[in-house]
């Protein structure tokens, strides 16, 4: 896909949670931040939810 020049990246669903996706991007020139970035900490609600779903302890 990279060699064709037709794509800026790829995405794939997560093994642990199909609603989640992993992205591999090789051309980020067209990206823009939507809103303010939010720091991700060990106590962030999204991280705590993800740790429960994939059954990993946060230490």
C-alpha atoms as a PDB file:
ATOM      1  CA  UNK A   1       0.000   0.000   0.000  1.00  0.00           C
ATOM      2  CA  UNK A   2       2.823   2.379   0.839  1.00  0.00           C
ATOM      3  CA  UNK A   3       4.616   1.787  -2.453  1.00  0.00           C
ATOM      4  CA  UNK A   4       1.524   2.596  -4.535  1.00  0.00           C
ATOM      5  CA  UNK A   5       1.427   6.181  -3.257  1.00  0.00           C
ATOM      6  CA  UNK A   6      -2.373   5.989  -3.174  1.00  0.00           C
ATOM      7  CA  UNK A   7      -2.703   5.895   0.613  1.00  0.00           C
ATOM      8  CA  UNK A   8      -1.604   8.021   3.554  1.00  0.00           C
ATOM      9  CA  UNK A   9      -1.899   5.148   6.013  1.00  0.00           C
ATOM     10  CA  UNK A  10      -3.890   2.135   7.130  1.00  0.00           C
ATOM     11  CA  UNK A  11      -6.151   1.251  10.028  1.00  0.00           C
ATOM     12  CA  UNK A  12      -7.091  -2.061  11.592  1.00  0.00           C
ATOM     13  CA  UNK A  13      -9.561  -3.046  14.282  1.00  0.00           C
ATOM     14  CA  UNK A  14      -8.302  -4.076  17.691  1.00  0.00           C
ATOM     15  CA  UNK A  15      -8.176  -7.718  18.731  1.00  0.00           C
ATOM     16  CA  UNK A  16      -9.307  -6.693  22.225  1.00  0.00           C
ATOM     17  CA  UNK A  17     -12.109  -4.306  21.281  1.00  0.00           C
ATOM     18  CA  UNK A  18     -13.391  -4.075  17.685  1.00  0.00           C
ATOM     19  CA  UNK A  19     -14.611  -0.497  18.269  1.00  0.00           C
ATOM     20  CA  UNK A  20     -10.970   0.544  18.654  1.00  0.00           C
ATOM     21  CA  UNK A  21      -8.603   0.929  15.749  1.00  0.00           C
ATOM     22  CA  UNK A  22      -4.863   1.105  15.348  1.00  0.00           C
ATOM     23  CA  UNK A  23      -3.517   3.473  12.719  1.00  0.00           C
ATOM     24  CA  UNK A  24      -0.281   3.379  10.791  1.00  0.00           C
ATOM     25  CA  UNK A  25       0.333   6.718   9.070  1.00  0.00           C
ATOM     26  CA  UNK A  26       3.198   7.577   6.763  1.00  0.00           C
ATOM     27  CA  UNK A  27       1.898  10.907   5.461  1.00  0.00           C
ATOM     28  CA  UNK A  28       0.648  13.207   8.221  1.00  0.00           C
ATOM     29  CA  UNK A  29       0.841  16.438   6.208  1.00  0.00           C
ATOM     30  CA  UNK A  30      -2.950  16.621   5.844  1.00  0.00           C
ATOM     31  CA  UNK A  31      -3.764  16.057   9.528  1.00  0.00           C
ATOM     32  CA  UNK A  32      -5.108  18.745  11.842  1.00  0.00           C
ATOM     33  CA  UNK A  33      -5.761  18.614  15.585  1.00  0.00           C
ATOM     34  CA  UNK A  34      -9.463  18.761  16.413  1.00  0.00           C
ATOM     35  CA  UNK A  35      -9.832  20.477  19.777  1.00  0.00           C
ATOM     36  CA  UNK A  36      -7.273  20.701  22.550  1.00  0.00           C
ATOM     37  CA  UNK A  37      -4.956  17.746  23.204  1.00  0.00           C
ATOM     38  CA  UNK A  38      -5.660  16.010  26.504  1.00  0.00           C
ATOM     39  CA  UNK A  39      -2.776  14.549  28.530  1.00  0.00           C
ATOM     40  CA  UNK A  40      -3.023  10.791  28.997  1.00  0.00           C
ATOM     41  CA  UNK A  41      -2.182   9.797  32.576  1.00  0.00           C
ATOM     42  CA  UNK A  42      -2.336   6.510  34.458  1.00  0.00           C
ATOM     43  CA  UNK A  43      -5.545   7.713  36.137  1.00  0.00           C
ATOM     44  CA  UNK A  44      -7.242   8.957  32.958  1.00  0.00           C
ATOM     45  CA  UNK A  45     -10.731   7.406  32.666  1.00  0.00           C
ATOM     46  CA  UNK A  46     -10.059   6.195  29.101  1.00  0.00           C
ATOM     47  CA  UNK A  47      -6.917   4.377  30.175  1.00  0.00           C
ATOM     48  CA  UNK A  48      -8.674   2.820  33.155  1.00  0.00           C
ATOM     49  CA  UNK A  49     -11.518   1.613  30.903  1.00  0.00           C
ATOM     50  CA  UNK A  50      -9.061   0.196  28.357  1.00  0.00           C
ATOM     51  CA  UNK A  51      -7.142  -1.645  31.081  1.00  0.00           C
ATOM     52  CA  UNK A  52     -10.370  -3.299  32.241  1.00  0.00           C
ATOM     53  CA  UNK A  53     -11.347  -4.312  28.703  1.00  0.00           C
ATOM     54  CA  UNK A  54      -7.964  -5.838  27.827  1.00  0.00           C
ATOM     55  CA  UNK A  55      -7.505  -7.183  31.360  1.00  0.00           C
ATOM     56  CA  UNK A  56      -4.262  -5.416  32.209  1.00  0.00           C
ATOM     57  CA  UNK A  57      -3.343  -3.962  35.586  1.00  0.00           C
ATOM     58  CA  UNK A  58      -2.110  -0.395  35.728  1.00  0.00           C
ATOM     59  CA  UNK A  59       0.788  -0.095  38.159  1.00  0.00           C
END
